[in-house]
Amino acid sequence: MPDTASTALTPLPPLSAQAERLIELGVHELAGMTADDLRAFAAENAGAADAEDNTLLAVHPGRVAASALAPLLQRDGKAGFVVVDMPDVDLFGPHALDLPDAPLYLVTGVDRGDRMANWSPEEALPALTAEGRTPLLLTEGIHFVLQQPAALERNRCFMTIGSRLRKAGGALDSRTPAIWISNGSGRDGRERRNAPKVGWCWWGNRHTWLGFASGTGRRPQ
């Protein structure tokens, strides 16, 4: 499997700027919080975040779902969307990771995971675990792109395999969520060409243009 070099990305903005970005988009209202809640959390955690590499401010998926966040994504003046064959997107929850029991939390050491392009999720997960990293949730991946739009580019998109769907019988659904850019083909519609797209890939399949976004930890713990 090729180890594709990562495209250089600027660091995520300071937490105060991330809070203002979410407020600008109305995420606090979607999550049933006030703007001051976001600003206070950012201020309280600013010092610790400054000492960490690439820290992301995230809203708990229980407070705002992926389907509500996806339309806030923007690229070339086009809003993000969820593929039509993923109507159950909000049922994909945290799998094999500990999520803070708090409305707001931090994800440290966020990385797009370009070096794992052309790996399957089945191959990437144990490798990330061995490195002490955990894959991002779908909602965290959307937050990542909201704060750093350049994280989504042609041939450099990513999967968010921290979110999985457990079926009624207990087995995991073989679909794994990902965020990439629509080509405007098929059911996406030509009008959505170049729009940010939330979709899915099979657990055992490889894609040369999809890495695996991950982080080093989540706080509070």
Protein backbone atom coordinates (compact mmCIF):
# COMPACT_ATOMS: atom_id res chain seq x y z
CA MET A 1 0.00 0.00 0.00
CA PRO A 2 1.51 3.36 -0.95
CA ASP A 3 2.42 5.81 1.82
CA THR A 4 1.17 9.03 0.26
CA ALA A 5 2.79 12.22 1.54
CA SER A 6 0.39 14.63 3.20
CA THR A 7 -0.43 17.95 1.64
CA ALA A 8 0.65 20.69 4.04
CA LEU A 9 -2.30 22.12 5.97
CA THR A 10 -2.19 25.17 8.19
CA PRO A 11 -2.82 24.46 11.89
CA LEU A 12 -6.35 24.71 13.18
CA PRO A 13 -7.30 28.20 14.44
CA PRO A 14 -7.17 29.06 18.17
CA LEU A 15 -10.15 27.82 20.17
CA SER A 16 -11.56 31.34 20.47
CA ALA A 17 -11.66 31.63 16.67
CA GLN A 18 -13.18 28.16 16.36
CA ALA A 19 -15.92 29.14 18.82
CA GLU A 20 -16.71 32.26 16.80
CA ARG A 21 -16.84 30.22 13.60
CA LEU A 22 -19.41 27.83 15.12
CA ILE A 23 -21.42 30.78 16.43
CA GLU A 24 -21.35 32.39 12.98
CA LEU A 25 -22.76 29.18 11.51
CA GLY A 26 -25.44 28.87 14.19
CA VAL A 27 -24.13 25.57 15.54
CA HIS A 28 -24.73 26.70 19.13
CA GLU A 29 -28.43 27.13 18.36
CA LEU A 30 -28.64 23.72 16.70
CA ALA A 31 -27.06 22.24 19.84
CA GLY A 32 -29.35 24.10 22.26
CA MET A 33 -26.53 26.22 23.67
CA THR A 34 -25.79 29.92 23.87
CA ALA A 35 -22.95 31.74 22.16
CA ASP A 36 -21.56 32.47 25.61
CA ASP A 37 -21.40 28.72 26.35
CA LEU A 38 -19.06 28.25 23.40
CA ARG A 39 -16.97 31.31 24.22
CA ALA A 40 -16.61 30.29 27.85
CA PHE A 41 -15.52 26.75 26.97
CA ALA A 42 -12.95 28.09 24.51
CA ALA A 43 -11.59 30.55 27.07
CA GLU A 44 -11.38 27.93 29.83
CA ASN A 45 -9.43 25.53 27.63
CA ALA A 46 -7.28 27.95 25.64
CA GLY A 47 -4.11 27.44 27.67
CA ALA A 48 -4.17 23.64 27.50
CA ALA A 49 -5.06 23.68 23.81
CA ASP A 50 -2.14 25.98 23.00
CA ALA A 51 0.19 23.31 24.37
CA GLU A 52 -1.32 20.61 22.14
CA ASP A 53 -0.90 20.05 18.43
CA ASN A 54 -3.88 20.85 16.18
CA THR A 55 -6.73 20.86 18.68
CA LEU A 56 -10.35 20.85 17.46
CA LEU A 57 -13.37 22.18 19.35
CA ALA A 58 -16.22 19.72 18.83
CA VAL A 59 -19.88 19.59 19.81
CA HIS A 60 -21.05 16.23 21.12
CA PRO A 61 -22.97 14.29 18.41
CA GLY A 62 -25.78 13.83 20.91
CA ARG A 63 -26.30 17.59 20.78
CA VAL A 64 -26.05 18.16 17.04
CA ALA A 65 -26.21 15.38 14.46
CA ALA A 66 -24.20 14.89 11.29
CA SER A 67 -27.27 15.52 9.13
CA ALA A 68 -27.62 18.99 10.68
CA LEU A 69 -23.92 19.83 10.33
CA ALA A 70 -23.38 18.62 6.76
CA PRO A 71 -25.34 21.47 5.06
CA LEU A 72 -23.08 23.99 6.83
CA LEU A 73 -20.10 22.80 4.80
CA GLN A 74 -19.30 25.04 1.85
CA ARG A 75 -17.10 24.67 -1.21
CA ASP A 76 -17.22 26.79 -4.36
CA GLY A 77 -20.39 28.40 -3.04
CA LYS A 78 -22.15 25.05 -2.73
CA ALA A 79 -23.52 23.58 0.49
CA GLY A 80 -22.60 20.16 1.81
CA PHE A 81 -25.03 17.26 1.69
CA VAL A 82 -25.54 13.65 2.77
CA VAL A 83 -25.89 11.06 0.00
CA VAL A 84 -29.43 9.87 -0.59
CA ASP A 85 -28.60 6.24 0.15
CA MET A 86 -27.48 7.11 3.70
CA PRO A 87 -30.79 8.17 5.32
CA ASP A 88 -29.60 6.53 8.56
CA VAL A 89 -26.49 8.71 8.81
CA ASP A 90 -27.35 9.89 12.33
CA LEU A 91 -27.47 6.31 13.60
CA PHE A 92 -23.71 5.96 13.03
CA GLY A 93 -22.33 6.45 16.55
CA PRO A 94 -18.99 6.24 18.37
CA HIS A 95 -17.43 2.80 18.14
CA ALA A 96 -14.56 1.45 20.26
CA LEU A 97 -13.64 4.88 21.64
CA ASP A 98 -14.46 6.86 24.76
CA LEU A 99 -16.34 10.06 24.04
CA PRO A 100 -16.45 12.75 26.75
CA ASP A 101 -19.79 13.04 28.53
CA ALA A 102 -20.00 16.76 27.87
CA PRO A 103 -21.76 18.99 25.33
CA LEU A 104 -18.41 20.43 24.19
CA TYR A 105 -15.03 18.74 24.07
CA LEU A 106 -11.62 18.88 22.45
CA VAL A 107 -10.00 16.50 19.98
CA THR A 108 -6.21 16.78 20.08
CA GLY A 109 -3.63 16.03 17.41
CA VAL A 110 -6.10 16.08 14.50
CA ASP A 111 -4.62 14.73 11.27
CA ARG A 112 -6.25 14.10 7.89
CA GLY A 113 -4.45 10.78 7.48
CA ASP A 114 -3.19 11.14 3.91
CA ARG A 115 -0.46 8.58 4.49
CA MET A 116 -3.10 5.87 4.73
CA ALA A 117 -4.65 6.67 1.37
CA ASN A 118 -5.43 3.42 -0.44
CA TRP A 119 -5.76 1.50 2.82
CA SER A 120 -9.07 -0.11 3.71
CA PRO A 121 -10.78 0.79 7.00
CA GLU A 122 -10.11 -2.78 8.08
CA GLU A 123 -6.38 -2.20 7.59
CA ALA A 124 -6.26 1.36 8.94
CA LEU A 125 -7.98 0.88 12.29
CA PRO A 126 -5.43 -1.50 13.89
CA ALA A 127 -2.57 0.65 12.56
CA LEU A 128 -4.04 3.79 14.14
CA THR A 129 -4.65 1.92 17.40
CA ALA A 130 -1.03 0.74 17.48
CA GLU A 131 0.06 4.38 17.15
CA GLY A 132 -2.11 5.48 20.07
CA ARG A 133 -4.51 7.32 17.78
CA THR A 134 -8.27 7.01 17.37
CA PRO A 135 -10.26 7.68 14.19
CA LEU A 136 -12.49 10.73 14.05
CA LEU A 137 -16.24 10.50 14.31
CA LEU A 138 -18.22 11.73 11.33
CA THR A 139 -19.37 14.79 13.29
CA GLU A 140 -15.76 15.53 14.27
CA GLY A 141 -14.70 15.25 10.65
CA ILE A 142 -17.36 17.77 9.67
CA HIS A 143 -16.18 20.10 12.44
CA PHE A 144 -12.64 19.70 11.09
CA VAL A 145 -13.68 20.89 7.61
CA LEU A 146 -15.86 23.68 9.01
CA GLN A 147 -12.80 25.06 10.78
CA GLN A 148 -10.28 24.25 8.05
CA PRO A 149 -12.01 24.12 4.63
CA ALA A 150 -8.69 23.35 2.93
CA ALA A 151 -8.79 19.94 4.64
CA LEU A 152 -11.17 18.87 1.87
CA GLU A 153 -9.51 18.91 -1.54
CA ARG A 154 -9.57 16.86 -4.69
CA ASN A 155 -7.76 13.53 -4.24
CA ARG A 156 -7.12 14.38 -0.55
CA CYS A 157 -10.35 13.56 1.28
CA PHE A 158 -10.87 11.31 4.29
CA MET A 159 -12.86 8.67 6.09
CA THR A 160 -14.25 8.97 9.64
CA ILE A 161 -14.35 5.39 10.80
CA GLY A 162 -14.82 6.27 14.48
CA SER A 163 -18.53 6.26 13.59
CA ARG A 164 -20.11 2.89 12.94
CA LEU A 165 -23.64 1.54 12.78
CA ARG A 166 -24.56 -1.53 14.79
CA LYS A 167 -27.39 -3.49 13.18
CA ALA A 168 -30.33 -5.04 15.02
CA GLY A 169 -28.61 -8.41 15.28
CA GLY A 170 -25.51 -6.88 16.86
CA ALA A 171 -23.18 -7.02 13.86
CA LEU A 172 -21.54 -3.86 12.57
CA ASP A 173 -22.81 -2.44 9.31
CA SER A 174 -20.10 -2.74 6.67
CA ARG A 175 -20.55 0.87 5.55
CA THR A 176 -18.08 3.40 6.92
CA PRO A 177 -18.66 7.18 6.72
CA ALA A 178 -16.43 9.50 4.71
CA ILE A 179 -16.31 13.12 3.60
CA TRP A 180 -15.29 13.97 0.05
CA ILE A 181 -16.17 16.16 -2.95
CA SER A 182 -19.03 15.37 -5.29
CA ASN A 183 -18.40 14.96 -9.00
CA GLY A 184 -22.03 15.83 -9.67
CA SER A 185 -22.72 12.41 -11.14
CA GLY A 186 -25.53 9.95 -10.53
CA ARG A 187 -28.04 10.80 -7.84
CA ASP A 188 -25.91 13.67 -6.53
CA GLY A 189 -27.06 15.80 -9.47
CA ARG A 190 -24.96 18.06 -11.68
CA GLU A 191 -25.87 21.07 -9.58
CA ARG A 192 -23.89 19.53 -6.71
CA ARG A 193 -20.62 19.16 -8.59
CA ASN A 194 -17.75 20.25 -6.31
CA ALA A 195 -19.99 20.35 -3.23
CA PRO A 196 -18.81 18.74 0.04
CA LYS A 197 -20.33 15.30 0.31
CA VAL A 198 -20.97 12.98 3.27
CA GLY A 199 -21.11 9.42 2.05
CA TRP A 200 -19.88 5.95 2.83
CA CYS A 201 -17.47 3.25 1.68
CA TRP A 202 -17.24 -0.47 2.40
CA TRP A 203 -15.20 -1.65 5.39
CA GLY A 204 -12.94 -3.82 3.25
CA ASN A 205 -12.44 -1.51 0.26
CA ARG A 206 -9.49 0.76 -0.58
CA HIS A 207 -9.67 4.18 -2.20
CA THR A 208 -6.60 6.04 -3.43
CA TRP A 209 -8.15 9.43 -2.63
CA LEU A 210 -9.36 8.71 0.92
CA GLY A 211 -7.15 8.88 3.99
CA PHE A 212 -8.22 8.24 7.60
CA ALA A 213 -8.70 11.26 9.85
CA SER A 214 -7.70 10.68 13.45
CA GLY A 215 -6.66 12.35 16.69
CA THR A 216 -4.48 11.62 19.71
CA GLY A 217 -7.11 12.11 22.38
CA ARG A 218 -10.30 13.78 23.61
CA ARG A 219 -10.89 16.05 26.60
CA PRO A 220 -12.42 16.31 29.12
CA GLN A 221 -11.87 12.68 30.08
